[in-house]
C-alpha atoms as a PDB file:
ATOM      1  CA  MET A   1      93.344  89.502  83.358  1.00  0.00           C
ATOM      2  CA  ASP A   2      93.501  91.351  86.675  1.00  0.00           C
ATOM      3  CA  ILE A   3      90.096  92.603  87.819  1.00  0.00           C
ATOM      4  CA  GLN A   4      90.274  95.938  89.626  1.00  0.00           C
ATOM      5  CA  TYR A   5      87.718  97.374  92.014  1.00  0.00           C
ATOM      6  CA  GLN A   6      87.214 100.951  93.210  1.00  0.00           C
ATOM      7  CA  CYS A   7      85.724 101.860  96.596  1.00  0.00           C
ATOM      8  CA  CYS A   8      82.531 103.911  96.230  1.00  0.00           C
ATOM      9  CA  PHE A   9      83.359 105.758  99.472  1.00  0.00           C
ATOM     10  CA  CYS A  10      87.060 106.660  99.307  1.00  0.00           C
ATOM     11  CA  GLY A  11      87.642 106.285  95.553  1.00  0.00           C
ATOM     12  CA  GLN A  12      90.774 104.182  96.047  1.00  0.00           C
ATOM     13  CA  SER A  13      91.400 100.802  94.465  1.00  0.00           C
ATOM     14  CA  ILE A  14      90.526  97.699  96.463  1.00  0.00           C
ATOM     15  CA  ALA A  15      93.012  94.871  96.781  1.00  0.00           C
ATOM     16  CA  SER A  16      91.444  91.434  96.411  1.00  0.00           C
ATOM     17  CA  MET A  17      92.202  90.304  99.949  1.00  0.00           C
ATOM     18  CA  PRO A  18      89.223  88.922 101.879  1.00  0.00           C
ATOM     19  CA  PRO A  19      87.005  90.322 103.190  1.00  0.00           C
ATOM     20  CA  ASP A  20      87.593  92.932 100.456  1.00  0.00           C
ATOM     21  CA  PRO A  21      86.228  93.765  98.022  1.00  0.00           C
ATOM     22  CA  CYS A  22      82.781  94.048  99.545  1.00  0.00           C
ATOM     23  CA  GLY A  23      79.666  94.469  97.417  1.00  0.00           C
ATOM     24  CA  LEU A  24      76.734  96.716  98.187  1.00  0.00           C
ATOM     25  CA  ALA A  25      73.307  96.450  96.554  1.00  0.00           C
ATOM     26  CA  PHE A  26      71.319  99.670  96.155  1.00  0.00           C
ATOM     27  CA  THR A  27      67.637  99.761  95.177  1.00  0.00           C
ATOM     28  CA  ALA A  28      65.949 103.026  94.244  1.00  0.00           C
ATOM     29  CA  GLY A  29      62.181 102.915  94.710  1.00  0.00           C
ATOM     30  CA  PHE A  30      62.327 100.005  97.146  1.00  0.00           C
ATOM     31  CA  LEU A  31      58.614 100.249  98.017  1.00  0.00           C
ATOM     32  CA  LEU A  32      57.523 100.349  94.380  1.00  0.00           C
ATOM     33  CA  PRO A  33      56.555  97.229  92.425  1.00  0.00           C
ATOM     34  CA  THR A  34      59.624  95.226  91.358  1.00  0.00           C
ATOM     35  CA  GLU A  35      59.375  96.288  87.720  1.00  0.00           C
ATOM     36  CA  LYS A  36      59.634  99.964  88.756  1.00  0.00           C
ATOM     37  CA  GLN A  37      62.664  99.494  91.026  1.00  0.00           C
ATOM     38  CA  VAL A  38      66.156 100.326  89.819  1.00  0.00           C
ATOM     39  CA  ASN A  39      69.102  98.328  91.171  1.00  0.00           C
ATOM     40  CA  GLN A  40      72.799  99.133  91.154  1.00  0.00           C
ATOM     41  CA  GLY A  41      75.804  97.415  92.699  1.00  0.00           C
ATOM     42  CA  PHE A  42      78.780  99.104  94.343  1.00  0.00           C
ATOM     43  CA  PHE A  43      82.131  97.913  95.695  1.00  0.00           C
ATOM     44  CA  CYS A  44      83.817  99.169  98.848  1.00  0.00           C
ATOM     45  CA  HIS A  45      86.418  98.476 101.507  1.00  0.00           C
ATOM     46  CA  ILE A  46      84.858  96.912 104.591  1.00  0.00           C
ATOM     47  CA  THR A  47      86.567  99.570 106.733  1.00  0.00           C
ATOM     48  CA  CYS A  48      85.115 102.418 104.641  1.00  0.00           C
ATOM     49  CA  PHE A  49      81.624 100.943 104.955  1.00  0.00           C
ATOM     50  CA  GLU A  50      81.999 100.349 108.680  1.00  0.00           C
ATOM     51  CA  LYS A  51      83.181 103.951 109.265  1.00  0.00           C
ATOM     52  CA  ARG A  52      80.004 105.273 107.682  1.00  0.00           C
ATOM     53  CA  LEU A  53      77.555 103.109 109.599  1.00  0.00           C
ATOM     54  CA  HIS A  54      75.821 104.670 112.566  1.00  0.00           C
ATOM     55  CA  LEU A  55      77.104 103.228 115.839  1.00  0.00           C
ATOM     56  CA  SER A  56      73.677 101.711 116.529  1.00  0.00           C
ATOM     57  CA  VAL A  57      73.782  99.634 113.313  1.00  0.00           C
ATOM     58  CA  PRO A  58      75.519  96.272 113.788  1.00  0.00           C
ATOM     59  CA  LEU A  59      77.729  94.881 111.023  1.00  0.00           C
ATOM     60  CA  TYR A  60      77.146  91.232 111.838  1.00  0.00           C
ATOM     61  CA  ALA A  61      78.353  90.045 108.407  1.00  0.00           C
ATOM     62  CA  LYS A  62      81.901  91.123 109.345  1.00  0.00           C
ATOM     63  CA  ASP A  63      81.705  89.171 112.608  1.00  0.00           C
ATOM     64  CA  ILE A  64      80.440  86.054 110.831  1.00  0.00           C
ATOM     65  CA  PHE A  65      83.131  86.336 108.138  1.00  0.00           C
ATOM     66  CA  GLU A  66      85.902  86.725 110.726  1.00  0.00           C
ATOM     67  CA  ASN A  67      84.617  83.783 112.782  1.00  0.00           C
ATOM     68  CA  ASP A  68      84.432  81.523 109.693  1.00  0.00           C
ATOM     69  CA  SER A  69      87.947  82.438 108.507  1.00  0.00           C
END
């Protein structure tokens, strides 16, 4: 069985070639008590995520992944 992933930013499929697919965790109501929070996971291409980050926000996970590979 071939698992397929779709990027939440561009809508295209994601080939399973590290570092992709990447997983994002989203929490609505982050400051509420845990039982009131709602969590959802998303998949994306690392390049799509990086394009949407503000220039002042470092993506150190990419650097660590590339250095460990």
